[in-house]
Amino acid sequence: MRHTELTMGRTFALAFDDGDNFTDELTKFCTEMNIRQGIIPMFLGGFRRVALVGTNGPLADPDAPVWEETVVHTVEAVGAATLAWSPESNSLAPHIHVAVGRKDLEAAGSVSHLLWAEVQFIQEMVLQEVTSPAMLRPRCGPHAVPTLGFAQRADGENL
């Protein structure tokens, strides 16, 4: 396990509008506000369409990550995320998980990693900027999964 103490910066409340591309708007906001890292303790609202990591059928290797996408329509959603910097792509790398319930199937649910989403009516979010240490998302392990890490000084201590 990795751990570090975080120094928090600004806190924002965001309200996404009907039809917004959730991930594009979040990335655009972070770029405009010069946010390179942070946490999203919660967001909630509706999605017209949401793409989640998932597949239909048995997994070829249950120990390997799943990269396939499944799209769910007309859902209520609640989620959380970390925002870190990808040294590989030199860009913001959000890691967003969401629990969604379909409105047309008695709130039948799915929980997974969010890839993209189209807002339906509203999404409300709290975003907290992290000013230090540098939070990075390098690819790690046997499957090269983007994983949260923290910048360290030469002596091994977190910056």
Protein backbone atom coordinates (compact mmCIF):
# COMPACT_ATOMS: atom_id res chain seq x y z
CA MET A 1 0.00 0.00 0.00
CA ARG A 2 1.12 3.53 -0.73
CA HIS A 3 0.10 6.50 1.39
CA THR A 4 0.86 10.15 1.88
CA GLU A 5 -0.55 13.16 3.67
CA LEU A 6 -2.35 15.52 1.29
CA THR A 7 -2.28 19.30 1.35
CA MET A 8 -5.58 20.56 0.06
CA GLY A 9 -6.14 23.62 -2.10
CA ARG A 10 -9.33 25.09 -3.46
CA THR A 11 -12.76 23.44 -3.19
CA PHE A 12 -15.33 23.79 -5.97
CA ALA A 13 -18.98 22.95 -6.46
CA LEU A 14 -19.82 22.10 -10.07
CA ALA A 15 -23.23 21.71 -11.71
CA PHE A 16 -23.19 20.00 -15.10
CA ASP A 17 -26.09 20.72 -17.45
CA ASP A 18 -28.37 18.52 -19.53
CA GLY A 19 -26.50 17.20 -22.56
CA ASP A 20 -23.01 17.95 -21.22
CA ASN A 21 -20.27 15.43 -21.95
CA PHE A 22 -19.35 14.71 -18.33
CA THR A 23 -15.69 13.75 -18.79
CA ASP A 24 -14.97 16.45 -21.39
CA GLU A 25 -16.50 19.18 -19.21
CA LEU A 26 -14.59 17.95 -16.13
CA THR A 27 -11.29 17.95 -18.04
CA LYS A 28 -12.02 21.38 -19.54
CA PHE A 29 -12.82 22.80 -16.09
CA CYS A 30 -9.59 21.40 -14.62
CA THR A 31 -7.58 22.87 -17.51
CA GLU A 32 -9.20 26.31 -17.12
CA MET A 33 -8.62 26.30 -13.35
CA ASN A 34 -5.09 24.81 -13.64
CA ILE A 35 -6.01 21.76 -11.56
CA ARG A 36 -3.57 18.90 -12.09
CA GLN A 37 -4.64 16.75 -9.18
CA GLY A 38 -7.47 16.40 -6.72
CA ILE A 39 -10.22 14.30 -5.27
CA ILE A 40 -13.91 14.18 -6.04
CA PRO A 41 -15.52 12.91 -2.83
CA MET A 42 -18.90 12.69 -4.54
CA PHE A 43 -21.04 13.51 -7.52
CA LEU A 44 -24.68 12.70 -8.15
CA GLY A 45 -27.38 13.14 -10.75
CA GLY A 46 -28.56 11.57 -13.98
CA PHE A 47 -26.92 10.28 -17.14
CA ARG A 48 -28.72 9.80 -20.45
CA ARG A 49 -25.95 7.41 -21.52
CA VAL A 50 -22.94 6.20 -19.58
CA ALA A 51 -20.07 3.99 -20.71
CA LEU A 52 -18.70 1.69 -18.02
CA VAL A 53 -15.89 -0.83 -18.02
CA GLY A 54 -17.58 -4.20 -18.37
CA THR A 55 -18.29 -7.12 -20.61
CA ASN A 56 -21.05 -9.67 -21.14
CA GLY A 57 -19.93 -13.23 -20.54
CA PRO A 58 -17.16 -15.09 -18.78
CA LEU A 59 -13.81 -13.42 -18.30
CA ALA A 60 -10.92 -15.02 -20.17
CA ASP A 61 -8.63 -14.17 -17.23
CA PRO A 62 -10.36 -13.12 -13.99
CA ASP A 63 -7.05 -11.72 -12.70
CA ALA A 64 -6.55 -9.41 -15.69
CA PRO A 65 -8.17 -5.98 -16.05
CA VAL A 66 -11.22 -5.65 -18.28
CA TRP A 67 -10.90 -2.97 -20.96
CA GLU A 68 -14.21 -3.51 -22.80
CA GLU A 69 -16.95 -0.89 -22.65
CA THR A 70 -20.63 -1.36 -21.99
CA VAL A 71 -23.19 1.45 -22.39
CA VAL A 72 -26.15 1.86 -20.04
CA HIS A 73 -29.02 4.27 -20.75
CA THR A 74 -31.19 6.54 -18.59
CA VAL A 75 -29.67 6.13 -15.13
CA GLU A 76 -29.36 7.87 -11.81
CA ALA A 77 -25.75 7.94 -10.64
CA VAL A 78 -23.50 8.53 -7.67
CA GLY A 79 -19.72 8.39 -7.84
CA ALA A 80 -16.31 9.47 -6.65
CA ALA A 81 -12.88 9.94 -8.20
CA THR A 82 -9.23 10.84 -7.92
CA LEU A 83 -7.53 13.19 -10.36
CA ALA A 84 -3.84 12.66 -11.00
CA TRP A 85 -1.33 13.53 -13.69
CA SER A 86 -0.30 10.95 -16.29
CA PRO A 87 3.41 11.29 -17.03
CA GLU A 88 2.89 9.01 -20.03
CA SER A 89 0.38 11.28 -21.79
CA ASN A 90 1.32 14.53 -19.98
CA SER A 91 -2.34 15.12 -19.22
CA LEU A 92 -4.96 14.84 -16.51
CA ALA A 93 -5.87 11.23 -15.75
CA PRO A 94 -9.17 10.99 -13.88
CA HIS A 95 -10.03 7.70 -12.18
CA ILE A 96 -13.80 7.78 -11.79
CA HIS A 97 -16.04 5.08 -10.38
CA VAL A 98 -19.79 5.25 -10.46
CA ALA A 99 -22.82 3.33 -9.24
CA VAL A 100 -25.80 3.68 -11.57
CA GLY A 101 -29.40 2.53 -11.40
CA ARG A 102 -31.53 2.17 -14.53
CA LYS A 103 -34.76 4.11 -14.36
CA ASP A 104 -36.59 1.64 -16.60
CA LEU A 105 -35.67 -1.59 -14.78
CA GLU A 106 -36.71 -0.91 -11.19
CA ALA A 107 -33.36 0.82 -10.55
CA ALA A 108 -31.35 -2.27 -11.58
CA GLY A 109 -27.76 -1.35 -10.87
CA SER A 110 -24.24 -1.44 -12.21
CA VAL A 111 -21.01 -0.35 -10.57
CA SER A 112 -17.79 0.18 -12.48
CA HIS A 113 -15.13 2.50 -13.84
CA LEU A 114 -16.69 5.37 -15.82
CA LEU A 115 -15.30 5.95 -19.32
CA TRP A 116 -17.64 8.69 -20.55
CA ALA A 117 -21.18 9.92 -19.93
CA GLU A 118 -23.83 12.29 -21.25
CA VAL A 119 -25.58 14.25 -18.50
CA GLN A 120 -29.36 14.00 -18.25
CA PHE A 121 -30.90 16.94 -16.41
CA ILE A 122 -28.09 17.60 -13.91
CA GLN A 123 -24.91 16.29 -12.31
CA GLU A 124 -23.70 17.94 -9.11
CA MET A 125 -20.13 17.55 -7.91
CA VAL A 126 -17.72 18.58 -5.18
CA LEU A 127 -14.09 18.79 -6.36
CA GLN A 128 -11.18 19.36 -3.97
CA GLU A 129 -7.84 20.38 -5.39
CA VAL A 130 -4.71 18.73 -3.96
CA THR A 131 -1.71 21.07 -3.92
CA SER A 132 0.86 18.53 -2.72
CA PRO A 133 2.40 16.06 -3.05
CA ALA A 134 2.36 15.51 -6.81
CA MET A 135 -0.17 12.77 -7.53
CA LEU A 136 0.82 10.74 -10.58
CA ARG A 137 -0.85 7.95 -12.50
CA PRO A 138 1.91 5.83 -14.06
CA ARG A 139 1.22 2.40 -15.54
CA CYS A 140 2.28 -0.31 -13.08
CA GLY A 141 2.26 -4.04 -12.55
CA PRO A 142 2.03 -7.00 -14.90
CA HIS A 143 -0.99 -5.56 -16.73
CA ALA A 144 0.29 -1.95 -16.98
CA VAL A 145 -2.75 -0.56 -15.16
CA PRO A 146 -2.69 3.22 -14.53
CA THR A 147 -2.21 3.37 -10.75
CA LEU A 148 -2.13 6.24 -8.26
CA GLY A 149 1.34 7.16 -7.04
CA PHE A 150 3.02 10.06 -5.27
CA ALA A 151 6.16 11.97 -6.23
CA GLN A 152 9.06 11.35 -3.88
CA ARG A 153 12.29 13.08 -2.93
CA ALA A 154 15.65 11.37 -3.53
CA ASP A 155 15.59 10.06 0.07
CA GLY A 156 12.34 8.18 -0.64
CA GLU A 157 10.08 10.52 1.31
CA ASN A 158 7.01 11.96 -0.38
CA LEU A 159 7.45 15.49 -1.68
